[in-house]
N, C-alpha and C. Protein backbone atom coordinates (compact mmCIF):
# COMPACT_ATOMS: atom_id res chain seq x y z
N MET A 1 97.90 115.43 56.86
CA MET A 1 98.29 114.00 57.80
C MET A 1 96.89 112.96 57.91
N SER A 2 96.99 111.74 57.77
CA SER A 2 95.76 110.92 58.08
C SER A 2 95.63 110.84 59.40
N GLN A 3 94.11 110.33 59.73
CA GLN A 3 93.96 110.22 60.89
C GLN A 3 93.40 108.51 61.10
N ALA A 4 93.57 107.72 62.16
CA ALA A 4 93.42 106.40 62.50
C ALA A 4 91.80 106.07 62.31
N LYS A 5 91.46 105.47 61.13
CA LYS A 5 89.99 104.51 61.27
C LYS A 5 90.10 103.48 61.10
N ASN A 6 89.16 103.03 61.29
CA ASN A 6 88.50 101.31 61.17
C ASN A 6 89.06 100.88 59.92
N GLY A 7 89.66 99.89 60.23
CA GLY A 7 90.17 99.15 58.95
C GLY A 7 91.64 99.19 59.00
N ASP A 8 92.27 100.36 59.54
CA ASP A 8 93.65 100.86 59.57
C ASP A 8 94.54 99.68 60.00
N THR A 9 95.87 99.22 59.95
CA THR A 9 96.37 98.48 61.23
C THR A 9 97.66 99.58 61.31
N VAL A 10 97.14 99.68 62.91
CA VAL A 10 98.45 100.60 63.52
C VAL A 10 99.57 99.67 64.41
N LYS A 11 100.51 100.78 64.73
CA LYS A 11 101.24 100.63 65.69
C LYS A 11 101.40 101.73 66.65
N VAL A 12 101.32 101.37 67.77
CA VAL A 12 101.83 102.07 68.99
C VAL A 12 102.01 101.84 70.05
N HIS A 13 102.72 102.75 70.82
CA HIS A 13 103.55 102.21 72.03
C HIS A 13 102.19 103.00 73.22
N TYR A 14 102.70 101.98 74.36
CA TYR A 14 101.77 102.60 75.33
C TYR A 14 102.02 102.18 76.79
N THR A 15 101.55 102.28 77.33
CA THR A 15 101.54 102.11 79.09
C THR A 15 100.76 102.20 79.98
N GLY A 16 100.08 100.57 80.19
CA GLY A 16 98.84 101.04 80.73
C GLY A 16 99.08 100.68 82.73
N ARG A 17 98.39 101.46 83.00
CA ARG A 17 97.97 102.18 84.56
C ARG A 17 96.75 101.34 85.04
N LEU A 18 97.04 101.52 86.40
CA LEU A 18 95.76 101.18 87.12
C LEU A 18 95.50 102.15 87.45
N GLU A 19 94.05 102.45 88.40
CA GLU A 19 94.03 104.09 88.52
C GLU A 19 95.10 104.21 89.63
N ASN A 20 95.54 103.96 90.66
CA ASN A 20 96.31 104.27 91.57
C ASN A 20 97.97 104.26 90.89
N GLY A 21 97.81 104.38 89.83
CA GLY A 21 99.41 104.10 88.94
C GLY A 21 100.34 103.45 88.93
N GLU A 22 99.41 102.34 89.30
CA GLU A 22 100.42 101.03 89.55
C GLU A 22 100.55 100.19 87.89
N VAL A 23 101.72 100.32 87.04
CA VAL A 23 101.96 99.85 85.88
C VAL A 23 101.59 98.34 85.61
N PHE A 24 100.47 98.05 84.80
CA PHE A 24 100.36 96.45 84.39
C PHE A 24 101.01 95.90 83.10
N ASP A 25 101.13 96.59 82.04
CA ASP A 25 101.52 96.39 80.89
C ASP A 25 102.29 97.73 80.10
N SER A 26 103.57 97.52 79.44
CA SER A 26 104.20 98.78 78.41
C SER A 26 104.45 97.76 77.63
N SER A 27 104.40 99.17 76.23
CA SER A 27 105.30 98.27 75.24
C SER A 27 106.54 99.04 74.88
N ARG A 28 106.79 100.06 75.68
CA ARG A 28 108.24 101.04 75.53
C ARG A 28 109.44 100.44 75.82
N GLU A 29 109.58 99.27 76.28
CA GLU A 29 110.78 98.72 75.92
C GLU A 29 110.97 97.56 75.21
N SER A 30 109.82 97.83 74.35
CA SER A 30 109.59 96.19 73.02
C SER A 30 109.58 96.94 72.07
N GLN A 31 108.97 95.85 71.11
CA GLN A 31 108.46 96.64 69.83
C GLN A 31 106.93 97.52 70.39
N PRO A 32 106.64 98.34 69.15
CA PRO A 32 105.51 98.86 69.10
C PRO A 32 104.35 97.75 68.84
N PHE A 33 102.92 97.93 69.40
CA PHE A 33 102.17 97.02 69.45
C PHE A 33 101.01 96.99 68.36
N GLU A 34 101.21 96.25 67.37
CA GLU A 34 100.33 96.20 66.10
C GLU A 34 98.92 95.74 66.12
N PHE A 35 97.62 96.28 65.96
CA PHE A 35 96.48 95.84 65.65
C PHE A 35 96.04 96.48 64.40
N THR A 36 94.43 95.45 64.38
CA THR A 36 93.67 96.50 63.11
C THR A 36 92.48 96.75 63.81
N LEU A 37 92.46 98.33 63.47
CA LEU A 37 91.30 98.80 64.08
C LEU A 37 90.07 98.34 63.74
N GLY A 38 88.90 98.09 64.89
CA GLY A 38 87.80 97.84 63.90
C GLY A 38 87.73 96.10 63.72
N ARG A 39 88.18 95.30 64.16
CA ARG A 39 88.22 93.90 63.90
C ARG A 39 88.14 92.70 65.68
N GLY A 40 88.19 94.03 66.82
CA GLY A 40 87.88 93.60 67.76
C GLY A 40 89.19 92.94 68.55
N GLU A 41 90.14 92.91 67.99
CA GLU A 41 91.42 92.44 68.64
C GLU A 41 91.74 92.75 70.00
N ILE A 42 91.34 94.04 70.34
CA ILE A 42 91.66 94.74 71.72
C ILE A 42 90.29 94.82 72.11
N ILE A 43 91.00 95.42 73.45
CA ILE A 43 89.56 95.94 74.28
C ILE A 43 88.92 97.45 73.45
N PRO A 44 87.75 97.02 73.66
CA PRO A 44 87.08 98.19 73.06
C PRO A 44 87.58 99.89 73.24
N GLY A 45 87.55 99.86 75.07
CA GLY A 45 87.67 101.27 75.04
C GLY A 45 89.17 101.90 74.38
N PHE A 46 89.81 100.64 74.54
CA PHE A 46 91.38 101.04 73.65
C PHE A 46 91.45 101.41 72.57
N GLU A 47 90.61 100.38 71.85
CA GLU A 47 90.27 100.77 70.21
C GLU A 47 89.83 102.33 69.99
N LYS A 48 88.70 102.44 70.56
CA LYS A 48 87.85 103.42 70.51
C LYS A 48 88.76 105.05 70.64
N GLY A 49 89.63 104.43 71.88
CA GLY A 49 90.83 105.91 71.89
C GLY A 49 91.52 106.22 70.87
N ILE A 50 91.53 105.29 70.36
CA ILE A 50 93.18 105.41 69.01
C ILE A 50 92.43 105.91 67.46
N ILE A 51 91.24 105.69 67.62
CA ILE A 51 90.41 106.12 66.71
C ILE A 51 90.67 107.80 66.62
N GLY A 52 90.61 108.13 64.92
CA GLY A 52 90.90 109.88 65.31
C GLY A 52 92.29 110.47 65.56
N MET A 53 93.46 109.47 66.04
CA MET A 53 94.70 109.89 66.29
C MET A 53 95.40 109.76 64.75
N GLU A 54 96.44 110.98 64.93
CA GLU A 54 97.59 111.18 63.90
C GLU A 54 98.83 110.61 64.43
N VAL A 55 99.64 109.73 63.43
CA VAL A 55 101.12 109.30 63.65
C VAL A 55 102.16 110.41 64.04
N GLY A 56 102.54 110.31 65.41
CA GLY A 56 102.96 110.96 66.27
C GLY A 56 102.02 111.53 67.67
N ASP A 57 100.74 111.27 67.39
CA ASP A 57 100.10 112.49 68.69
C ASP A 57 100.04 111.34 69.95
N THR A 58 99.84 111.85 70.38
CA THR A 58 100.12 110.99 72.27
C THR A 58 98.53 111.44 72.61
N ARG A 59 97.87 110.46 73.49
CA ARG A 59 96.61 110.55 74.15
C ARG A 59 96.75 109.48 75.61
N THR A 60 95.93 110.28 76.34
CA THR A 60 95.88 109.50 77.32
C THR A 60 94.18 108.61 77.42
N ILE A 61 94.29 107.58 77.52
CA ILE A 61 92.85 106.96 77.18
C ILE A 61 92.30 106.38 78.76
N THR A 62 91.46 106.80 79.32
CA THR A 62 91.25 105.99 80.57
C THR A 62 89.64 105.29 80.01
N VAL A 63 89.84 103.86 80.58
CA VAL A 63 88.93 102.76 80.08
C VAL A 63 88.08 102.30 80.97
N SER A 64 86.96 102.22 81.20
CA SER A 64 86.13 101.76 82.18
C SER A 64 85.83 100.44 81.98
N PRO A 65 86.12 99.81 83.05
CA PRO A 65 85.74 97.95 83.60
C PRO A 65 84.39 97.69 82.37
N GLY A 66 83.49 98.50 81.83
CA GLY A 66 82.78 97.51 80.70
C GLY A 66 83.04 97.83 79.47
N GLU A 67 84.15 98.54 79.31
CA GLU A 67 84.99 98.54 78.14
C GLU A 67 86.39 98.20 77.75
N ALA A 68 86.81 97.43 78.98
CA ALA A 68 87.98 96.52 79.30
C ALA A 68 87.71 95.08 79.50
N TYR A 69 87.60 94.78 80.31
CA TYR A 69 87.74 93.29 80.60
C TYR A 69 86.34 92.88 81.88
N GLY A 70 85.33 93.77 81.65
CA GLY A 70 84.24 93.81 82.17
C GLY A 70 84.43 94.12 83.85
N PRO A 71 83.31 93.50 84.79
CA PRO A 71 83.19 93.46 86.29
C PRO A 71 83.55 92.29 86.56
N ARG A 72 84.09 92.03 88.02
CA ARG A 72 84.40 90.90 88.54
C ARG A 72 83.25 90.38 88.46
N SER A 73 83.41 89.21 88.23
CA SER A 73 81.77 88.17 88.87
C SER A 73 82.08 87.00 89.46
N LYS A 74 81.33 87.26 90.35
CA LYS A 74 81.66 85.93 91.73
C LYS A 74 81.12 84.57 91.20
N GLU A 75 80.71 84.66 90.07
CA GLU A 75 79.89 83.17 89.28
C GLU A 75 81.09 82.52 88.96
N LEU A 76 82.25 83.73 88.51
CA LEU A 76 83.68 82.68 88.17
C LEU A 76 84.96 82.57 89.70
N VAL A 77 84.52 82.74 90.41
CA VAL A 77 85.06 82.14 92.08
C VAL A 77 84.47 80.71 92.39
N ALA A 78 85.67 79.54 92.69
CA ALA A 78 85.27 78.41 93.12
C ALA A 78 85.92 78.07 94.23
N LYS A 79 85.11 77.63 95.31
CA LYS A 79 86.31 76.84 96.10
C LYS A 79 86.25 75.39 95.83
N ILE A 80 87.14 74.82 95.82
CA ILE A 80 87.18 72.97 95.83
C ILE A 80 88.21 72.25 96.42
N ARG A 81 87.96 71.40 96.53
CA ARG A 81 89.15 70.18 97.47
C ARG A 81 90.23 70.44 96.91
N LYS A 82 91.16 70.51 98.00
CA LYS A 82 92.82 70.00 97.25
C LYS A 82 92.84 68.65 96.48
N VAL A 83 92.06 67.65 97.54
CA VAL A 83 92.05 66.28 96.50
C VAL A 83 91.73 66.13 95.24
N ASP A 84 90.92 67.17 94.94
CA ASP A 84 90.13 66.96 93.43
C ASP A 84 91.10 67.91 92.34
N LEU A 85 92.28 68.30 93.02
CA LEU A 85 93.25 68.79 91.86
C LEU A 85 93.99 67.94 91.36
N PRO A 86 94.54 67.99 90.24
CA PRO A 86 95.54 66.77 89.67
C PRO A 86 96.46 66.63 90.53
N GLU A 87 97.02 65.34 90.39
CA GLU A 87 98.30 65.39 91.72
C GLU A 87 99.33 65.61 91.43
N ARG A 88 99.68 66.33 90.05
CA ARG A 88 100.62 66.98 89.63
C ARG A 88 100.84 68.19 89.73
N ILE A 89 99.68 69.18 90.46
CA ILE A 89 100.09 70.31 90.94
C ILE A 89 100.00 70.52 92.33
N SER A 90 101.03 70.72 92.90
CA SER A 90 101.41 71.65 94.23
C SER A 90 100.31 73.02 94.27
N PRO A 91 99.55 73.19 94.82
CA PRO A 91 99.12 74.39 95.27
C PRO A 91 99.25 75.57 95.72
N ALA A 92 99.81 76.50 95.66
CA ALA A 92 99.81 77.47 96.00
C ALA A 92 99.36 78.68 95.37
N ILE A 93 99.21 79.89 96.53
CA ILE A 93 97.97 81.23 96.24
C ILE A 93 99.34 82.04 95.51
N GLY A 94 98.60 82.36 94.15
CA GLY A 94 98.82 82.99 92.89
C GLY A 94 99.89 82.24 91.62
N LEU A 95 99.16 80.76 92.30
CA LEU A 95 99.59 80.11 91.23
C LEU A 95 98.26 80.25 89.98
N GLN A 96 98.98 79.93 88.69
CA GLN A 96 98.21 80.09 87.49
C GLN A 96 97.46 78.78 87.11
N LEU A 97 96.95 78.76 86.48
CA LEU A 97 96.52 76.92 85.99
C LEU A 97 95.53 77.30 84.81
N ARG A 98 95.22 76.31 83.69
CA ARG A 98 94.64 76.59 82.69
C ARG A 98 93.89 75.03 82.52
N LEU A 99 92.59 75.59 82.25
CA LEU A 99 91.85 74.15 82.33
C LEU A 99 91.23 74.06 81.16
N GLN A 100 91.19 72.95 80.19
CA GLN A 100 90.49 72.58 78.92
C GLN A 100 89.23 72.20 78.86
N MET A 101 88.32 73.00 78.97
CA MET A 101 86.66 72.49 78.81
C MET A 101 86.75 70.82 77.78
N PRO A 102 85.81 70.31 77.90
CA PRO A 102 85.07 69.30 76.64
C PRO A 102 85.28 69.57 75.96
N ASP A 103 84.51 71.02 75.45
CA ASP A 103 84.94 71.78 73.81
C ASP A 103 86.01 72.49 73.34
N GLY A 104 87.08 72.00 73.95
CA GLY A 104 88.17 72.51 73.39
C GLY A 104 88.91 74.22 74.32
N LYS A 105 87.64 74.65 74.61
CA LYS A 105 87.93 75.99 75.04
C LYS A 105 88.80 75.79 76.52
N ARG A 106 89.78 76.64 76.26
CA ARG A 106 90.71 76.85 77.77
C ARG A 106 90.40 78.05 78.32
N ILE A 107 90.18 77.75 79.76
CA ILE A 107 90.11 78.87 80.96
C ILE A 107 91.30 79.29 81.93
N ASP A 108 91.69 80.09 81.99
CA ASP A 108 92.55 80.58 83.02
C ASP A 108 92.22 81.04 83.95
N LEU A 109 92.82 80.45 85.14
CA LEU A 109 92.50 80.36 86.24
C LEU A 109 93.65 80.45 87.29
N LEU A 110 93.19 81.76 88.74
CA LEU A 110 94.26 81.84 89.70
C LEU A 110 94.07 81.16 90.97
N ILE A 111 94.74 80.68 91.89
CA ILE A 111 94.32 80.44 92.89
C ILE A 111 94.61 81.59 93.70
N THR A 112 93.82 81.86 94.45
CA THR A 112 93.74 83.38 95.10
C THR A 112 93.63 83.34 96.75
N ASP A 113 92.75 81.51 97.23
CA ASP A 113 93.29 81.61 98.60
C ASP A 113 93.13 80.03 98.85
N MET A 114 93.77 79.87 99.88
CA MET A 114 93.94 78.31 99.94
C MET A 114 94.06 77.83 101.93
N ASP A 115 93.09 76.72 102.27
CA ASP A 115 93.70 76.25 103.62
C ASP A 115 93.95 75.11 102.96
N GLU A 116 93.79 73.93 104.46
CA GLU A 116 94.26 72.89 104.69
C GLU A 116 93.62 71.90 103.54
N ASP A 117 92.37 72.10 103.69
CA ASP A 117 91.81 71.17 103.00
C ASP A 117 91.38 71.58 101.26
N THR A 118 91.13 73.19 101.13
CA THR A 118 90.49 73.83 99.85
C THR A 118 91.51 74.58 99.57
N VAL A 119 91.29 74.83 97.90
CA VAL A 119 91.68 76.40 97.22
C VAL A 119 90.92 76.69 96.42
N THR A 120 91.13 77.92 96.43
CA THR A 120 89.61 79.25 95.80
C THR A 120 90.65 79.23 94.48
N LEU A 121 89.64 79.19 93.92
CA LEU A 121 90.10 79.13 92.21
C LEU A 121 89.42 80.33 91.12
N ASP A 122 90.15 81.59 90.86
CA ASP A 122 89.51 82.51 90.08
C ASP A 122 89.74 82.61 88.96
N ALA A 123 88.19 82.56 88.36
CA ALA A 123 88.62 82.47 86.31
C ALA A 123 88.27 83.73 85.65
N ASN A 124 88.14 84.78 86.67
CA ASN A 124 88.02 86.50 86.46
C ASN A 124 89.18 86.72 86.04
N HIS A 125 89.22 87.58 84.69
CA HIS A 125 90.58 88.57 84.00
C HIS A 125 91.08 89.30 85.03
N PRO A 126 92.16 88.93 85.30
CA PRO A 126 93.21 89.97 86.21
C PRO A 126 92.94 91.08 86.37
N LEU A 127 92.50 92.06 85.47
CA LEU A 127 92.05 93.15 85.32
C LEU A 127 90.76 93.42 85.46
N ALA A 128 89.68 92.60 85.64
CA ALA A 128 88.44 92.76 85.85
C ALA A 128 88.13 93.64 87.04
N GLY A 129 87.19 94.51 86.39
CA GLY A 129 86.51 95.49 87.49
C GLY A 129 87.26 96.50 88.00
N ASN A 130 88.68 97.07 87.20
CA ASN A 130 89.02 97.87 86.99
C ASN A 130 89.02 98.73 85.95
N THR A 131 89.08 100.28 86.22
CA THR A 131 89.00 101.14 85.16
C THR A 131 91.06 101.03 84.99
N LEU A 132 91.24 100.95 83.60
CA LEU A 132 92.61 101.30 83.19
C LEU A 132 92.90 102.56 82.63
N VAL A 133 94.00 103.03 82.43
CA VAL A 133 94.48 104.35 82.13
C VAL A 133 96.04 104.03 81.04
N PHE A 134 95.52 104.15 79.82
CA PHE A 134 96.96 103.93 78.71
C PHE A 134 97.07 105.61 78.73
N ASN A 135 98.04 105.72 78.44
CA ASN A 135 99.28 106.98 77.79
C ASN A 135 100.05 106.16 76.32
N VAL A 136 99.27 106.42 75.46
CA VAL A 136 99.41 105.92 74.33
C VAL A 136 100.26 107.08 72.92
N GLU A 137 101.20 106.66 72.53
CA GLU A 137 101.67 107.34 71.33
C GLU A 137 101.67 106.43 69.94
N LEU A 138 100.63 106.96 68.91
CA LEU A 138 100.46 106.53 68.01
C LEU A 138 101.79 106.35 66.62
N VAL A 139 101.87 105.20 66.26
CA VAL A 139 103.89 105.12 65.62
C VAL A 139 103.59 105.42 64.38
N GLU A 140 102.77 104.48 63.90
CA GLU A 140 102.26 104.13 62.47
C GLU A 140 101.16 103.77 62.27
N ILE A 141 100.59 104.24 60.84
CA ILE A 141 99.08 103.83 60.52
C ILE A 141 99.89 103.30 59.11
N ALA A 142 99.51 102.04 58.57
CA ALA A 142 99.24 101.25 57.71
C ALA A 142 98.32 101.16 56.62
């Protein structure tokens, strides 16, 4: 049997958990996740964990923040005045916003705190700073 290597398109089923066991994502109730190894389409630690697997293999892959979404950055958290938000936005903790920059790049923001006059916006990836644990089954190598 062949082993997964860079350049192979693979299909996997996975369940992703935080270290405390909380599930944050899974492909088990849908189609297998398909990607090409070595293209940087997914987080590096997950990709590295697939290398060498054979179809039918299962594996637990533990990915440090540095090989996933990086550490949380205080520089990506800002407090702004509510009056500076567009009028169409009704701020609430947990509300996700997408900001388009002048260069066309989009940034996803999450309102993490608010008071009478201000909101706190966080541009960190929701999984930044977390060690991620994936249970993976290699379904196909193309």
